[in-house]
Amino acid sequence: MEKAGEKKMRTVYLFAMMLVFGVFSTPVPGQTDEAEKGKTKMEKTKWTIVVTDPLVSKPAHRSEESVSGKEKESSSRKSEEVESSPEKKEAAKSVMAEEEEKAESGEKKEKKDQEAGKSAGASGSFSDWEKTWSVVAAFSTSFDSNLEHDPIPVRGFGFIPSITAGYQMRSGNQRLRFIYSFAAARYTIDTDLNRFGNYFAAAYRFSAGKWSFETDGEVSLKGTNEDRETNNQYVLTETIGYRFDKKTRINLYGAYRIRRFPSEDADRNAVNPMLGLKFSRELTKRFEWFAGYRYDENRAVNPRQNYYRSTYKTGFEAALTGNDQLETEISFRPRRYKNRLVDVGAAEVLRRDKKLGVDAVWRHNVTRHWGFETGYQFERQTSNDPDKIYTNHQIVFTVFYHWGNGDLIIP
């Protein structure tokens, strides 16, 4: 009986234990859904990790598959630290600003180096030179109290239309210039000054520091010179300049001129070697003074035409206003012939001439394109040959019009 009772008690005990364990292992209603939702949420968020980079304005996105576990943990920790600490945020912003400043300065330096390289190579190609041009059309009227420079004066009025074209190229310390001019002169008396004249010129200038070097070539066909002689001239000039400071400079030049006359005066054909200097000083911003000396020699086919001559000059240039300029010059030219004799009393002596000249020109620009000039010249020559003494007064009025993309380019 006891054994049957003990069996019965064991059976009840086992059933009770099974019942207890079954109840605690059974899920609570709704718990499975919440777990699944949490699991799904974690699975969705674990695919993307956002890393805040202080050097980049936008966050960098990377896939979890390309990041190792340690790198993922470090990145998350760094992001939390930056977001949680104001001091670290400021430090990150400071680092970002410094890096951006370095990047901008690097770009500026690179651009500057490129421009410097381009500038350095500019002189190697004419296409990179600055180019300017000008065309000046002018009409002049003149009055001379002694047009032919004779002992007995003969008055003359003249009308001279002209056109001058210039072209200039400049690059740094170099300049190349070309000029052409055409003029037609007509006077009220019969004279060899009635003519059509042409003028050509080319010049190259190079400067190095305070020094400058310039080579000029000129061709004048049926032009005139300081002696009012009509002939063809070919001139080559070399000038060396030195600038002491911004206001003071000196030029030393040498020239070689060939003169050719019409066939009836072929014995006057000559060459003229010249040597001179010019000193200039800017006294104020609007006023410049200059002084110069030139020595030249005439070597003609006919020995009677050979002479030595010195020229002394001084004057000033003044910018009276923004549109007005005044230029004056005083010159003295003594000349001594080598083989030309003249009678002075009972004796024969070598001819000696002395010429004094005073020039003044006022230029006024009415607009940027047109203006006018008024000039006066006084000239008096004394000589031990009575037939070569004369005095002349000349007044010239000119109206001009200018086209171009730069300043006037004139002889």
Protein backbone atom coordinates (compact mmCIF):
# COMPACT_ATOMS: atom_id res chain seq x y z
CA MET A 1 0.00 0.00 0.00
CA GLU A 2 2.80 2.29 0.90
CA LYS A 3 4.64 1.43 -2.33
CA ALA A 4 1.50 2.15 -4.37
CA GLY A 5 1.11 5.45 -2.50
CA GLU A 6 4.74 6.39 -3.07
CA LYS A 7 4.39 5.77 -6.84
CA LYS A 8 1.33 7.90 -6.94
CA MET A 9 3.09 10.75 -5.11
CA ARG A 10 6.09 10.63 -7.55
CA THR A 11 3.77 10.85 -10.52
CA VAL A 12 1.98 13.91 -9.10
CA TYR A 13 5.35 15.56 -8.29
CA LEU A 14 6.69 15.02 -11.85
CA PHE A 15 3.50 16.37 -13.38
CA ALA A 16 3.67 19.45 -11.17
CA MET A 17 7.32 20.13 -12.16
CA MET A 18 6.51 19.78 -15.85
CA LEU A 19 3.62 22.19 -15.42
CA VAL A 20 5.79 24.78 -13.64
CA PHE A 21 8.59 24.65 -16.25
CA GLY A 22 6.09 24.84 -19.09
CA VAL A 23 4.47 27.98 -17.73
CA PHE A 24 7.80 29.88 -17.31
CA SER A 25 9.06 28.82 -20.75
CA THR A 26 5.94 30.01 -22.56
CA PRO A 27 6.34 33.60 -23.97
CA VAL A 28 4.17 36.44 -22.77
CA PRO A 29 1.67 37.57 -25.39
CA GLY A 30 3.14 40.54 -27.48
CA GLN A 31 6.70 39.95 -26.29
CA THR A 32 7.67 38.19 -29.51
CA ASP A 33 6.53 41.15 -31.69
CA GLU A 34 8.52 43.70 -29.67
CA ALA A 35 11.63 41.58 -29.87
CA GLU A 36 11.27 41.13 -33.57
CA LYS A 37 10.78 44.87 -34.01
CA GLY A 38 13.91 45.63 -31.98
CA LYS A 39 15.90 43.09 -33.89
CA THR A 40 14.70 44.50 -37.24
CA LYS A 41 15.57 48.05 -36.12
CA MET A 42 19.09 47.03 -35.14
CA GLU A 43 19.60 45.15 -38.38
CA LYS A 44 18.50 48.22 -40.35
CA THR A 45 20.72 50.72 -38.50
CA LYS A 46 23.82 48.59 -38.41
CA TRP A 47 24.42 48.91 -42.20
CA THR A 48 25.54 52.59 -42.12
CA ILE A 49 28.04 54.33 -39.82
CA VAL A 50 28.38 58.16 -39.92
CA VAL A 51 31.87 59.46 -39.21
CA THR A 52 32.27 63.23 -38.60
CA ASP A 53 35.51 64.50 -40.22
CA PRO A 54 36.62 67.94 -38.90
CA LEU A 55 38.43 68.76 -42.22
CA VAL A 56 35.39 68.18 -44.39
CA SER A 57 32.21 70.23 -44.24
CA LYS A 58 30.00 67.23 -45.04
CA PRO A 59 30.03 63.86 -43.15
CA ALA A 60 31.70 60.93 -44.87
CA HIS A 61 29.51 57.84 -45.35
CA ARG A 62 31.05 54.40 -45.43
CA SER A 63 29.55 50.90 -45.55
CA GLU A 64 29.95 48.72 -42.47
CA GLU A 65 31.25 45.98 -44.67
CA SER A 66 34.35 48.06 -45.54
CA VAL A 67 35.19 48.90 -41.93
CA SER A 68 36.70 46.51 -39.41
CA GLY A 69 35.28 46.12 -35.96
CA LYS A 70 38.03 48.15 -34.24
CA GLU A 71 37.84 50.97 -36.79
CA LYS A 72 34.05 51.02 -36.39
CA GLU A 73 34.31 51.34 -32.63
CA SER A 74 36.99 54.08 -32.85
CA SER A 75 34.95 56.08 -35.36
CA SER A 76 31.81 55.87 -33.22
CA ARG A 77 33.73 56.94 -30.14
CA LYS A 78 35.30 59.89 -32.05
CA SER A 79 31.88 61.02 -33.27
CA GLU A 80 30.45 60.90 -29.76
CA GLU A 81 33.38 62.87 -28.35
CA VAL A 82 33.10 65.64 -30.95
CA GLU A 83 29.35 65.93 -30.47
CA SER A 84 29.53 65.86 -26.66
CA SER A 85 32.46 68.29 -26.07
CA PRO A 86 32.13 72.02 -27.04
CA GLU A 87 35.90 72.51 -26.63
CA LYS A 88 36.62 69.75 -29.09
CA LYS A 89 34.08 71.20 -31.50
CA GLU A 90 35.92 74.54 -31.45
CA ALA A 91 39.26 72.79 -31.94
CA ALA A 92 37.87 70.91 -34.92
CA LYS A 93 36.58 74.17 -36.44
CA SER A 94 39.99 75.83 -35.90
CA VAL A 95 41.78 72.96 -37.59
CA MET A 96 39.32 73.15 -40.49
CA ALA A 97 39.88 76.92 -40.93
CA GLU A 98 43.67 76.51 -40.88
CA GLU A 99 43.57 73.78 -43.50
CA GLU A 100 41.27 75.85 -45.75
CA GLU A 101 43.58 78.87 -45.41
CA LYS A 102 46.59 76.74 -46.35
CA ALA A 103 44.75 75.40 -49.39
CA GLU A 104 43.77 78.92 -50.55
CA SER A 105 47.32 80.26 -50.08
CA GLY A 106 48.67 77.32 -52.06
CA GLU A 107 46.28 78.03 -54.92
CA LYS A 108 47.21 81.74 -54.92
CA LYS A 109 50.92 80.94 -54.95
CA GLU A 110 50.48 78.50 -57.82
CA LYS A 111 48.52 81.09 -59.81
CA LYS A 112 51.16 83.75 -59.12
CA ASP A 113 53.92 81.42 -60.26
CA GLN A 114 52.03 80.69 -63.46
CA GLU A 115 51.58 84.42 -64.15
CA ALA A 116 55.26 85.06 -63.43
CA GLY A 117 56.24 82.29 -65.81
CA LYS A 118 53.98 83.71 -68.47
CA SER A 119 55.43 87.20 -67.96
CA ALA A 120 58.98 85.87 -68.10
CA GLY A 121 58.28 84.16 -71.39
CA ALA A 122 56.45 87.13 -72.86
CA SER A 123 59.58 88.75 -74.23
CA GLY A 124 60.32 85.69 -76.28
CA SER A 125 57.30 86.15 -78.57
CA PHE A 126 56.06 89.29 -80.34
CA SER A 127 52.49 88.03 -79.96
CA ASP A 128 52.69 88.70 -76.20
CA TRP A 129 53.95 92.30 -76.54
CA GLU A 130 51.68 95.26 -75.83
CA LYS A 131 50.80 96.91 -79.13
CA THR A 132 49.60 100.48 -79.70
CA TRP A 133 49.03 102.50 -82.84
CA SER A 134 48.13 106.05 -83.76
CA VAL A 135 47.30 108.05 -86.85
CA VAL A 136 47.55 111.84 -86.80
CA ALA A 137 46.09 114.00 -89.55
CA ALA A 138 47.24 117.63 -89.41
CA PHE A 139 46.88 120.82 -91.38
CA SER A 140 49.40 123.61 -90.83
CA THR A 141 49.60 127.18 -92.00
CA SER A 142 52.80 129.18 -91.68
CA PHE A 143 54.14 132.67 -92.19
CA ASP A 144 57.84 133.46 -92.71
CA SER A 145 59.19 136.99 -92.81
CA ASN A 146 62.24 135.70 -94.75
CA LEU A 147 61.32 132.38 -96.33
CA GLU A 148 64.56 131.85 -98.31
CA HIS A 149 66.92 133.18 -95.60
CA ASP A 150 68.34 135.87 -97.88
CA PRO A 151 69.90 139.21 -96.96
CA ILE A 152 66.89 140.88 -98.59
CA PRO A 153 63.86 139.23 -96.98
CA VAL A 154 60.97 137.85 -99.01
CA ARG A 155 57.78 136.95 -97.15
CA GLY A 156 55.95 133.72 -97.75
CA PHE A 157 52.81 131.93 -96.60
CA GLY A 158 52.63 128.18 -96.58
CA PHE A 159 50.01 125.43 -96.33
CA ILE A 160 51.16 121.97 -95.25
CA PRO A 161 48.71 119.05 -94.88
CA SER A 162 50.27 115.93 -93.43
CA ILE A 163 49.46 112.49 -92.06
CA THR A 164 51.60 110.51 -89.62
CA ALA A 165 51.10 106.86 -88.69
CA GLY A 166 52.88 105.15 -85.82
CA TYR A 167 52.99 101.60 -84.49
CA GLN A 168 54.64 100.58 -81.22
CA MET A 169 55.32 97.25 -79.49
CA ARG A 170 56.39 97.11 -75.86
CA SER A 171 57.34 94.29 -73.51
CA GLY A 172 58.91 94.92 -70.13
CA ASN A 173 62.23 96.64 -70.78
CA GLN A 174 61.98 96.58 -74.58
CA ARG A 175 60.27 98.84 -77.11
CA LEU A 176 60.00 98.68 -80.89
CA ARG A 177 58.57 101.63 -82.84
CA PHE A 178 57.76 102.41 -86.48
CA ILE A 179 56.71 105.78 -87.93
CA TYR A 180 55.71 106.94 -91.40
CA SER A 181 54.77 110.50 -92.36
CA PHE A 182 53.71 112.16 -95.58
CA ALA A 183 53.45 115.91 -96.15
CA ALA A 184 52.75 118.26 -99.05
CA ALA A 185 54.06 121.83 -98.73
CA ARG A 186 52.87 124.74 -100.89
CA TYR A 187 53.99 128.35 -100.51
CA THR A 188 52.85 131.59 -102.07
CA ILE A 189 56.22 132.12 -103.78
CA ASP A 190 58.23 129.98 -106.19
CA THR A 191 60.68 128.00 -104.07
CA ASP A 192 62.19 124.53 -103.86
CA LEU A 193 60.32 124.21 -100.54
CA ASN A 194 57.20 123.43 -102.62
CA ARG A 195 57.38 119.66 -102.51
CA PHE A 196 55.97 116.29 -101.43
CA GLY A 197 57.95 114.77 -98.59
CA ASN A 198 58.13 111.32 -97.01
CA TYR A 199 59.56 110.29 -93.69
CA PHE A 200 60.29 106.77 -92.37
CA ALA A 201 61.68 105.84 -88.96
CA ALA A 202 62.26 102.69 -86.92
CA ALA A 203 63.65 102.52 -83.39
CA TYR A 204 64.48 99.77 -80.91
CA ARG A 205 65.02 100.55 -77.23
CA PHE A 206 66.33 98.29 -74.47
CA SER A 207 66.77 99.20 -70.81
CA ALA A 208 68.70 97.45 -68.04
CA GLY A 209 68.38 99.00 -64.61
CA LYS A 210 69.44 102.63 -64.81
CA TRP A 211 70.89 102.18 -68.31
CA SER A 212 69.07 102.37 -71.63
CA PHE A 213 70.19 101.70 -75.19
CA GLU A 214 68.36 102.84 -78.32
CA THR A 215 69.02 102.45 -82.03
CA ASP A 216 67.20 104.73 -84.49
CA GLY A 217 67.07 104.64 -88.25
CA GLU A 218 65.53 107.50 -90.25
CA VAL A 219 64.91 108.16 -93.93
CA SER A 220 63.72 111.58 -95.09
CA LEU A 221 62.91 112.09 -98.78
CA LYS A 222 62.70 115.73 -99.90
CA GLY A 223 62.79 116.84 -96.30
CA THR A 224 64.48 119.83 -94.71
CA ASN A 225 67.07 120.23 -91.98
CA GLU A 226 68.13 122.99 -89.61
CA ASP A 227 69.60 124.91 -92.57
CA ARG A 228 66.33 124.87 -94.53
CA GLU A 229 67.94 122.70 -97.21
CA THR A 230 65.77 120.39 -99.32
CA ASN A 231 67.44 117.01 -99.83
CA ASN A 232 67.26 113.30 -99.04
CA GLN A 233 68.70 112.21 -95.72
CA TYR A 234 69.54 108.83 -94.19
CA VAL A 235 70.41 108.85 -90.49
CA LEU A 236 71.50 106.14 -88.07
CA THR A 237 71.66 107.09 -84.38
CA GLU A 238 72.81 105.14 -81.33
CA THR A 239 71.88 106.53 -77.90
CA ILE A 240 73.09 105.42 -74.47
CA GLY A 241 71.16 106.80 -71.51
CA TYR A 242 71.75 106.76 -67.78
CA ARG A 243 69.20 107.72 -65.12
CA PHE A 244 70.72 109.03 -61.89
CA ASP A 245 67.35 109.00 -60.13
CA LYS A 246 63.68 109.40 -60.98
CA LYS A 247 64.18 113.06 -61.93
CA THR A 248 67.64 113.23 -63.50
CA ARG A 249 69.00 111.55 -66.62
CA ILE A 250 71.66 112.01 -69.27
CA ASN A 251 71.87 110.73 -72.86
CA LEU A 252 75.00 110.33 -74.94
CA TYR A 253 74.46 109.74 -78.64
CA GLY A 254 76.36 109.29 -81.85
CA ALA A 255 74.87 109.61 -85.34
CA TYR A 256 75.88 109.22 -88.93
CA ARG A 257 73.93 111.15 -91.58
CA ILE A 258 74.10 110.86 -95.36
CA ARG A 259 72.78 113.80 -97.39
CA ARG A 260 71.93 113.61 -101.08
CA PHE A 261 70.99 116.63 -103.21
CA PRO A 262 69.45 116.88 -106.70
CA SER A 263 71.80 116.22 -109.63
CA GLU A 264 72.47 119.93 -110.27
CA ASP A 265 73.85 120.24 -106.72
CA ALA A 266 75.60 116.87 -106.57
CA ASP A 267 78.84 118.52 -105.38
CA ARG A 268 77.03 119.26 -102.11
CA ASN A 269 76.45 115.57 -101.35
CA ALA A 270 77.96 114.87 -97.95
CA VAL A 271 78.15 112.71 -94.86
CA ASN A 272 77.84 114.07 -91.32
CA PRO A 273 79.25 112.22 -88.32
CA MET A 274 77.78 113.62 -85.07
CA LEU A 275 78.37 113.26 -81.36
CA GLY A 276 76.27 114.83 -78.62
CA LEU A 277 74.79 114.67 -75.14
CA LYS A 278 71.61 115.84 -73.44
CA PHE A 279 71.04 116.39 -69.73
CA SER A 280 67.47 116.53 -68.35
CA ARG A 281 66.22 117.41 -64.90
CA GLU A 282 62.62 117.27 -63.67
CA LEU A 283 62.30 120.31 -61.43
CA THR A 284 58.64 119.75 -60.51
CA LYS A 285 55.95 117.32 -61.56
CA ARG A 286 54.98 119.71 -64.36
CA PHE A 287 58.28 121.34 -65.24
CA GLU A 288 61.39 119.82 -66.88
CA TRP A 289 64.58 121.56 -67.86
CA PHE A 290 67.17 120.28 -70.35
CA ALA A 291 70.52 121.31 -71.81
CA GLY A 292 72.57 119.73 -74.57
CA TYR A 293 75.57 119.92 -76.83
CA ARG A 294 76.24 118.44 -80.28
CA TYR A 295 79.31 118.41 -82.47
CA ASP A 296 79.02 117.56 -86.16
CA GLU A 297 81.23 117.67 -89.22
CA ASN A 298 80.20 118.09 -92.87
CA ARG A 299 82.30 116.11 -95.35
CA ALA A 300 81.11 117.06 -98.82
CA VAL A 301 82.15 116.20 -102.36
CA ASN A 302 83.12 119.83 -102.88
CA PRO A 303 85.78 120.78 -100.25
CA ARG A 304 84.32 124.31 -100.07
CA GLN A 305 81.27 122.80 -98.34
CA ASN A 306 83.28 121.19 -95.53
CA TYR A 307 82.82 122.65 -92.06
CA TYR A 308 82.78 122.00 -88.31
CA ARG A 309 79.78 123.01 -86.23
CA SER A 310 78.83 123.02 -82.57
CA THR A 311 75.25 123.29 -81.27
CA TYR A 312 74.38 124.45 -77.75
CA LYS A 313 70.80 124.08 -76.58
CA THR A 314 68.74 124.66 -73.48
CA GLY A 315 65.02 124.85 -72.79
CA PHE A 316 62.14 123.51 -70.78
CA GLU A 317 58.92 121.58 -71.14
CA ALA A 318 55.96 122.49 -68.93
CA ALA A 319 52.57 120.84 -68.49
CA LEU A 320 50.50 123.94 -67.81
CA THR A 321 47.26 121.99 -67.36
CA GLY A 322 46.03 118.53 -68.15
CA ASN A 323 45.38 119.64 -71.74
CA ASP A 324 48.07 122.30 -72.26
CA GLN A 325 51.78 121.89 -72.82
CA LEU A 326 54.45 124.50 -73.46
CA GLU A 327 57.88 123.79 -74.97
CA THR A 328 60.68 126.33 -75.40
CA GLU A 329 64.23 126.11 -76.68
CA ILE A 330 67.18 128.45 -77.18
CA SER A 331 70.02 127.35 -79.44
CA PHE A 332 73.35 128.74 -80.54
CA ARG A 333 75.24 127.26 -83.53
CA PRO A 334 78.71 128.53 -84.44
CA ARG A 335 80.06 127.09 -87.70
CA ARG A 336 83.57 127.21 -89.11
CA TYR A 337 84.39 126.30 -92.71
CA LYS A 338 87.61 124.47 -93.52
CA ASN A 339 88.33 125.69 -97.05
CA ARG A 340 85.82 128.44 -97.87
CA LEU A 341 87.44 131.86 -98.06
CA VAL A 342 85.68 135.22 -98.02
CA ASP A 343 86.99 138.72 -98.53
CA VAL A 344 87.15 140.81 -95.40
CA GLY A 345 88.65 144.13 -96.34
CA ALA A 346 91.89 143.46 -98.17
CA ALA A 347 92.33 139.97 -96.73
CA GLU A 348 90.84 136.56 -97.36
CA VAL A 349 89.75 134.63 -94.29
CA LEU A 350 87.85 131.42 -93.63
CA ARG A 351 84.12 131.89 -93.42
CA ARG A 352 82.54 131.94 -89.94
CA ASP A 353 78.81 131.81 -89.19
CA LYS A 354 76.89 132.16 -85.93
CA LYS A 355 73.20 131.34 -85.67
CA LEU A 356 70.87 132.12 -82.77
CA GLY A 357 67.44 130.52 -82.51
CA VAL A 358 64.51 130.84 -80.15
CA ASP A 359 61.53 128.47 -80.37
CA ALA A 360 58.27 128.24 -78.45
CA VAL A 361 55.34 125.86 -79.04
CA TRP A 362 52.03 125.75 -77.19
CA ARG A 363 49.89 122.63 -77.62
CA HIS A 364 46.26 122.40 -76.49
CA ASN A 365 44.11 119.26 -76.56
CA VAL A 366 40.47 120.23 -77.00
CA THR A 367 39.35 116.62 -76.66
CA ARG A 368 41.13 113.29 -76.47
CA HIS A 369 41.21 113.16 -80.28
CA TRP A 370 41.80 116.66 -81.58
CA GLY A 371 43.62 119.84 -80.68
CA PHE A 372 45.87 122.57 -82.03
CA GLU A 373 49.41 123.94 -81.83
CA THR A 374 50.75 127.46 -82.10
CA GLY A 375 54.46 127.97 -82.60
CA TYR A 376 56.89 130.85 -82.98
CA GLN A 377 60.52 130.74 -84.11
CA PHE A 378 63.08 133.51 -84.23
CA GLU A 379 66.29 132.91 -86.17
CA ARG A 380 69.20 135.23 -86.81
CA GLN A 381 72.49 134.41 -88.49
CA THR A 382 75.59 136.58 -88.44
CA SER A 383 78.62 135.90 -90.65
CA ASN A 384 81.83 137.43 -91.95
CA ASP A 385 80.26 136.86 -95.39
CA PRO A 386 77.72 139.72 -95.85
CA ASP A 387 75.63 137.59 -98.25
CA LYS A 388 74.88 135.07 -95.48
CA ILE A 389 73.42 137.41 -92.89
CA TYR A 390 69.68 137.14 -92.35
CA THR A 391 66.84 137.34 -89.83
CA ASN A 392 63.58 135.38 -89.96
CA HIS A 393 60.40 135.25 -87.91
CA GLN A 394 58.13 132.26 -88.37
CA ILE A 395 54.63 131.66 -87.02
CA VAL A 396 52.94 128.30 -87.43
CA PHE A 397 49.39 127.24 -86.55
CA THR A 398 48.40 123.56 -86.74
CA VAL A 399 45.13 121.71 -86.23
CA PHE A 400 45.41 117.95 -85.72
CA TYR A 401 43.14 114.94 -85.23
CA HIS A 402 44.26 111.71 -83.61
CA TRP A 403 43.03 108.12 -83.94
CA GLY A 404 44.50 105.19 -82.06
CA ASN A 405 44.50 103.03 -78.95
CA GLY A 406 47.31 104.87 -77.16
CA ASP A 407 49.32 108.08 -77.00
CA LEU A 408 50.57 109.99 -80.01
CA ILE A 409 53.44 108.25 -81.80
CA ILE A 410 55.26 111.01 -83.67
CA PRO A 411 58.90 111.77 -84.63
